[in-house]
């Protein structure tokens, strides 16, 4: 006789996600610290490392107050990791763009993170499944964060 497997409750899943997310945040912070960056500065840099984003767009994506993003971007800009440019479509909007130095420091931070050890325990198929599930959840999580 095969034992039935019960699905974890929503609370159990959220607690597990919180635990994993917290560990990843601590890992980011520890890897960023030797470069003089905070976890939030790395999050902003991660958000703009491929494509420019407006200050408001960054704030919305990171569920953060726009005034906080201004200070974070100021410090990243002073360190040479990002630059601001006027939007080509709306001159009232400033886009934040990662510099080559910013992309290099982000690669260095990612290279020293330890969370990859946990990901290494997953097969390629499991990583693809987890990635798909997290991508599917992301829009709902972003919406929930914006409402709070």
Protein backbone atom coordinates (compact mmCIF):
# COMPACT_ATOMS: atom_id res chain seq x y z
CA UNK A 1 0.00 0.00 0.00
CA UNK A 2 1.35 3.41 -1.00
CA UNK A 3 1.08 6.25 1.50
CA UNK A 4 -0.61 9.33 0.16
CA UNK A 5 1.40 12.52 0.17
CA UNK A 6 -0.41 15.55 1.46
CA UNK A 7 0.35 18.94 -0.01
CA UNK A 8 1.96 21.44 2.36
CA UNK A 9 -0.31 24.21 3.57
CA UNK A 10 -0.05 27.72 2.19
CA UNK A 11 1.45 28.84 5.52
CA UNK A 12 4.10 26.09 5.39
CA UNK A 13 5.05 27.10 1.84
CA UNK A 14 5.24 30.78 2.74
CA UNK A 15 7.38 30.06 5.80
CA UNK A 16 9.74 27.99 3.67
CA UNK A 17 9.91 30.68 0.98
CA UNK A 18 10.61 33.25 3.68
CA UNK A 19 13.40 31.14 5.12
CA UNK A 20 15.02 30.57 1.72
CA UNK A 21 14.55 34.22 0.73
CA UNK A 22 16.06 35.40 3.99
CA UNK A 23 19.11 33.19 3.50
CA UNK A 24 19.59 34.49 -0.05
CA UNK A 25 19.28 38.10 1.18
CA UNK A 26 21.90 37.48 3.86
CA UNK A 27 24.14 35.87 1.24
CA UNK A 28 23.75 38.88 -1.06
CA UNK A 29 24.53 41.26 1.82
CA UNK A 30 27.64 39.29 2.83
CA UNK A 31 28.90 39.15 -0.77
CA UNK A 32 28.18 42.85 -1.36
CA UNK A 33 29.75 44.16 1.84
CA UNK A 34 33.42 43.84 0.75
CA UNK A 35 32.50 45.99 -2.28
CA UNK A 36 31.00 48.67 -0.03
CA UNK A 37 27.45 47.95 -1.20
CA UNK A 38 24.26 47.17 0.68
CA UNK A 39 21.74 44.50 -0.21
CA UNK A 40 19.35 47.17 -1.58
CA UNK A 41 22.08 48.72 -3.70
CA UNK A 42 22.75 45.28 -5.20
CA UNK A 43 19.02 44.81 -5.84
CA UNK A 44 18.90 48.12 -7.74
CA UNK A 45 22.05 47.24 -9.67
CA UNK A 46 20.60 43.83 -10.50
CA UNK A 47 17.43 45.49 -11.77
CA UNK A 48 19.27 47.82 -14.17
CA UNK A 49 22.27 45.72 -15.17
CA UNK A 50 20.73 44.66 -18.51
CA UNK A 51 18.20 47.38 -19.30
CA UNK A 52 17.79 50.97 -18.15
CA UNK A 53 14.89 51.65 -15.81
CA UNK A 54 13.23 54.80 -14.56
CA UNK A 55 13.49 55.70 -10.90
CA UNK A 56 9.74 55.09 -10.53
CA UNK A 57 10.05 51.76 -12.34
CA UNK A 58 12.80 50.65 -9.97
CA UNK A 59 10.75 51.70 -6.94
CA UNK A 60 7.72 49.77 -8.19
CA UNK A 61 9.72 46.67 -9.10
CA UNK A 62 11.44 46.58 -5.71
CA UNK A 63 8.32 47.60 -3.76
CA UNK A 64 10.21 50.52 -2.28
CA UNK A 65 9.42 54.19 -1.77
CA UNK A 66 10.71 56.36 -4.64
CA UNK A 67 12.54 58.67 -2.22
CA UNK A 68 14.54 55.69 -0.91
CA UNK A 69 15.49 54.72 -4.46
CA UNK A 70 16.81 58.24 -5.05
CA UNK A 71 19.28 57.93 -2.18
CA UNK A 72 20.33 54.43 -3.22
CA UNK A 73 20.91 55.53 -6.82
CA UNK A 74 22.80 58.62 -5.60
CA UNK A 75 25.26 56.37 -3.74
CA UNK A 76 25.56 53.93 -6.65
CA UNK A 77 26.20 56.84 -9.02
CA UNK A 78 28.84 58.36 -6.69
CA UNK A 79 30.62 54.98 -6.69
CA UNK A 80 30.53 54.84 -10.49
CA UNK A 81 28.21 51.81 -10.69
CA UNK A 82 25.30 53.54 -12.44
CA UNK A 83 24.58 56.72 -14.32
CA UNK A 84 21.39 58.66 -14.95
CA UNK A 85 20.28 59.66 -18.42
CA UNK A 86 17.27 61.54 -19.66
CA UNK A 87 14.70 59.17 -21.15
CA UNK A 88 14.62 59.34 -24.94
CA UNK A 89 10.81 59.20 -24.84
CA UNK A 90 10.09 61.63 -21.97
CA UNK A 91 12.67 64.23 -21.01
CA UNK A 92 11.06 64.61 -17.55
CA UNK A 93 12.09 61.02 -16.72
CA UNK A 94 15.58 59.94 -15.73
CA UNK A 95 16.63 56.40 -16.53
CA UNK A 96 19.20 54.58 -14.44
CA UNK A 97 21.79 52.62 -16.42
CA UNK A 98 24.46 50.27 -15.07
CA UNK A 99 28.01 51.20 -16.02
CA UNK A 100 30.67 48.67 -17.01
CA UNK A 101 32.07 49.03 -13.48
CA UNK A 102 28.61 48.32 -12.04
CA UNK A 103 28.18 45.20 -14.15
CA UNK A 104 31.67 44.03 -13.14
CA UNK A 105 30.99 44.45 -9.42
CA UNK A 106 27.67 42.62 -9.82
CA UNK A 107 29.46 39.69 -11.51
CA UNK A 108 32.00 39.64 -8.66
CA UNK A 109 29.25 39.63 -6.04
CA UNK A 110 27.38 36.83 -7.76
CA UNK A 111 30.61 34.87 -8.04
CA UNK A 112 31.18 34.92 -4.29
CA UNK A 113 27.66 34.09 -3.19
CA UNK A 114 27.22 30.85 -1.28
CA UNK A 115 23.50 30.29 -1.97
CA UNK A 116 24.47 28.55 -5.18
CA UNK A 117 25.47 25.60 -2.99
CA UNK A 118 21.79 25.01 -2.20
CA UNK A 119 20.87 25.36 -5.86
CA UNK A 120 23.61 22.87 -6.72
CA UNK A 121 21.63 20.19 -4.86
CA UNK A 122 18.96 20.40 -7.59
CA UNK A 123 19.11 18.66 -10.93
CA UNK A 124 18.82 20.70 -14.13
CA UNK A 125 15.20 19.56 -14.44
CA UNK A 126 14.42 20.59 -10.85
CA UNK A 127 16.06 23.99 -11.39
CA UNK A 128 13.97 24.53 -14.53
CA UNK A 129 10.80 23.56 -12.63
CA UNK A 130 11.64 25.84 -9.68
CA UNK A 131 12.47 28.72 -12.03
CA UNK A 132 9.16 28.33 -13.84
CA UNK A 133 7.19 28.22 -10.59
CA UNK A 134 8.94 31.27 -9.15
CA UNK A 135 8.47 33.22 -12.40
CA UNK A 136 4.78 32.33 -12.31
CA UNK A 137 4.53 33.60 -8.70
CA UNK A 138 6.53 36.80 -9.21
CA UNK A 139 3.76 39.00 -10.69
CA UNK A 140 1.38 38.15 -7.83
CA UNK A 141 4.10 38.81 -5.24
CA UNK A 142 5.00 42.16 -6.82
CA UNK A 143 1.34 43.15 -6.79
CA UNK A 144 0.96 42.16 -3.15
CA UNK A 145 4.05 44.13 -2.14
CA UNK A 146 2.80 47.22 -3.96
CA UNK A 147 -0.53 47.06 -2.07
CA UNK A 148 1.06 46.87 1.39
